[in-house]
Amino acid sequence: MPRIRRRRGSEGTAAAFEGEMDEDFVVTCPYCGEDIEIFVEADVIGTFIQDCEVCCNPWRVRVLHEGSERYLDVRRADGSE
């Protein structure tokens, strides 16, 4: 199940942005369950690896686009998924 959250201060579970793309997202670590804010530049596409700031386990972060909306899919990157 994807770990997707809206930008800090927003409600719901999907990050939806109109017009200019925001770069700050709050995601839930698939290991420790902590909500963590991450910065993703507007021109980033595809997948990258980032470690959790709390438990140091690796995430696979996928940046998804639908029109002017941008979403993050955060999953474990240790091969256990």
C-alpha atoms as a PDB file:
ATOM      1  CA  MET A   1       0.000   0.000   0.000  1.00  0.00           C
ATOM      2  CA  PRO A   2       1.478   3.380  -0.951  1.00  0.00           C
ATOM      3  CA  ARG A   3       2.342   5.862   1.738  1.00  0.00           C
ATOM      4  CA  ILE A   4       1.053   9.135   0.326  1.00  0.00           C
ATOM      5  CA  ARG A   5       0.282  12.291   2.270  1.00  0.00           C
ATOM      6  CA  ARG A   6      -0.704  15.819   1.437  1.00  0.00           C
ATOM      7  CA  ARG A   7       1.527  18.762   2.002  1.00  0.00           C
ATOM      8  CA  ARG A   8       1.759  19.825   5.649  1.00  0.00           C
ATOM      9  CA  GLY A   9      -1.361  21.594   6.838  1.00  0.00           C
ATOM     10  CA  SER A  10      -3.626  19.975   4.274  1.00  0.00           C
ATOM     11  CA  GLU A  11      -6.212  17.303   4.876  1.00  0.00           C
ATOM     12  CA  GLY A  12      -6.586  13.964   3.132  1.00  0.00           C
ATOM     13  CA  THR A  13      -4.087  11.405   1.940  1.00  0.00           C
ATOM     14  CA  ALA A  14      -3.251  12.474  -1.614  1.00  0.00           C
ATOM     15  CA  ALA A  15      -0.978  15.333  -2.527  1.00  0.00           C
ATOM     16  CA  ALA A  16      -2.833  17.360  -5.136  1.00  0.00           C
ATOM     17  CA  PHE A  17      -1.396  20.599  -6.463  1.00  0.00           C
ATOM     18  CA  GLU A  18      -2.764  23.014  -9.029  1.00  0.00           C
ATOM     19  CA  GLY A  19      -0.633  25.350 -11.084  1.00  0.00           C
ATOM     20  CA  GLU A  20       2.779  25.784  -9.487  1.00  0.00           C
ATOM     21  CA  MET A  21       4.001  22.539  -7.944  1.00  0.00           C
ATOM     22  CA  ASP A  22       4.800  22.536  -4.258  1.00  0.00           C
ATOM     23  CA  GLU A  23       8.045  20.990  -3.143  1.00  0.00           C
ATOM     24  CA  ASP A  24       7.309  20.057   0.502  1.00  0.00           C
ATOM     25  CA  PHE A  25       5.482  16.816   1.259  1.00  0.00           C
ATOM     26  CA  VAL A  26       4.657  14.989   4.472  1.00  0.00           C
ATOM     27  CA  VAL A  27       5.091  11.248   4.042  1.00  0.00           C
ATOM     28  CA  THR A  28       4.714   8.311   6.406  1.00  0.00           C
ATOM     29  CA  CYS A  29       7.759   6.072   6.844  1.00  0.00           C
ATOM     30  CA  PRO A  30       6.859   2.515   5.779  1.00  0.00           C
ATOM     31  CA  TYR A  31       9.130   1.168   8.549  1.00  0.00           C
ATOM     32  CA  CYS A  32       8.613   3.224  11.716  1.00  0.00           C
ATOM     33  CA  GLY A  33       5.310   4.951  10.857  1.00  0.00           C
ATOM     34  CA  GLU A  34       6.578   8.471  11.607  1.00  0.00           C
ATOM     35  CA  ASP A  35       5.259  11.379   9.535  1.00  0.00           C
ATOM     36  CA  ILE A  36       8.235  13.180   7.999  1.00  0.00           C
ATOM     37  CA  GLU A  37       8.413  16.260   5.810  1.00  0.00           C
ATOM     38  CA  ILE A  38      10.566  15.898   2.718  1.00  0.00           C
ATOM     39  CA  PHE A  39      11.547  18.366   0.010  1.00  0.00           C
ATOM     40  CA  VAL A  40      11.224  17.319  -3.634  1.00  0.00           C
ATOM     41  CA  GLU A  41      12.224  19.864  -6.260  1.00  0.00           C
ATOM     42  CA  ALA A  42       9.563  20.671  -8.842  1.00  0.00           C
ATOM     43  CA  ASP A  43      11.632  19.284 -11.749  1.00  0.00           C
ATOM     44  CA  VAL A  44      12.214  15.851 -10.154  1.00  0.00           C
ATOM     45  CA  ILE A  45      10.625  12.939 -12.022  1.00  0.00           C
ATOM     46  CA  GLY A  46      10.921   9.180 -11.649  1.00  0.00           C
ATOM     47  CA  THR A  47      12.236   7.350  -8.595  1.00  0.00           C
ATOM     48  CA  PHE A  48      14.905   8.068  -5.996  1.00  0.00           C
ATOM     49  CA  ILE A  49      16.111   6.546  -2.714  1.00  0.00           C
ATOM     50  CA  GLN A  50      15.997   8.495   0.544  1.00  0.00           C
ATOM     51  CA  ASP A  51      16.634   7.378   4.124  1.00  0.00           C
ATOM     52  CA  CYS A  52      14.151   7.993   6.934  1.00  0.00           C
ATOM     53  CA  GLU A  53      15.330  10.787   9.246  1.00  0.00           C
ATOM     54  CA  VAL A  54      14.031   8.858  12.264  1.00  0.00           C
ATOM     55  CA  CYS A  55      14.894   5.160  11.757  1.00  0.00           C
ATOM     56  CA  CYS A  56      17.470   5.509   8.911  1.00  0.00           C
ATOM     57  CA  ASN A  57      15.852   2.800   6.774  1.00  0.00           C
ATOM     58  CA  PRO A  58      15.801   3.361   2.979  1.00  0.00           C
ATOM     59  CA  TRP A  59      12.684   4.440   1.099  1.00  0.00           C
ATOM     60  CA  ARG A  60      11.954   4.195  -2.601  1.00  0.00           C
ATOM     61  CA  VAL A  61      10.219   7.484  -3.454  1.00  0.00           C
ATOM     62  CA  ARG A  62       8.340   7.589  -6.737  1.00  0.00           C
ATOM     63  CA  VAL A  63       7.206  10.971  -8.076  1.00  0.00           C
ATOM     64  CA  LEU A  64       3.963  10.667 -10.027  1.00  0.00           C
ATOM     65  CA  HIS A  65       2.338  13.349 -12.179  1.00  0.00           C
ATOM     66  CA  GLU A  66      -1.263  13.670 -13.341  1.00  0.00           C
ATOM     67  CA  GLY A  67      -1.648  16.869 -15.301  1.00  0.00           C
ATOM     68  CA  SER A  68      -0.688  19.683 -12.933  1.00  0.00           C
ATOM     69  CA  GLU A  69      -0.949  17.437  -9.868  1.00  0.00           C
ATOM     70  CA  ARG A  70       2.031  15.682  -8.302  1.00  0.00           C
ATOM     71  CA  TYR A  71       2.004  12.706  -5.927  1.00  0.00           C
ATOM     72  CA  LEU A  72       4.622  10.759  -3.984  1.00  0.00           C
ATOM     73  CA  ASP A  73       4.566   6.994  -3.510  1.00  0.00           C
ATOM     74  CA  VAL A  74       6.870   5.986  -0.630  1.00  0.00           C
ATOM     75  CA  ARG A  75       7.706   2.294  -0.110  1.00  0.00           C
ATOM     76  CA  ARG A  76      10.393   0.168   1.513  1.00  0.00           C
ATOM     77  CA  ALA A  77      13.633  -0.010  -0.474  1.00  0.00           C
ATOM     78  CA  ASP A  78      15.231  -2.968   1.289  1.00  0.00           C
ATOM     79  CA  GLY A  79      13.844  -5.610  -1.083  1.00  0.00           C
ATOM     80  CA  SER A  80      11.207  -6.816   1.414  1.00  0.00           C
ATOM     81  CA  GLU A  81       8.169  -5.466  -0.406  1.00  0.00           C
END
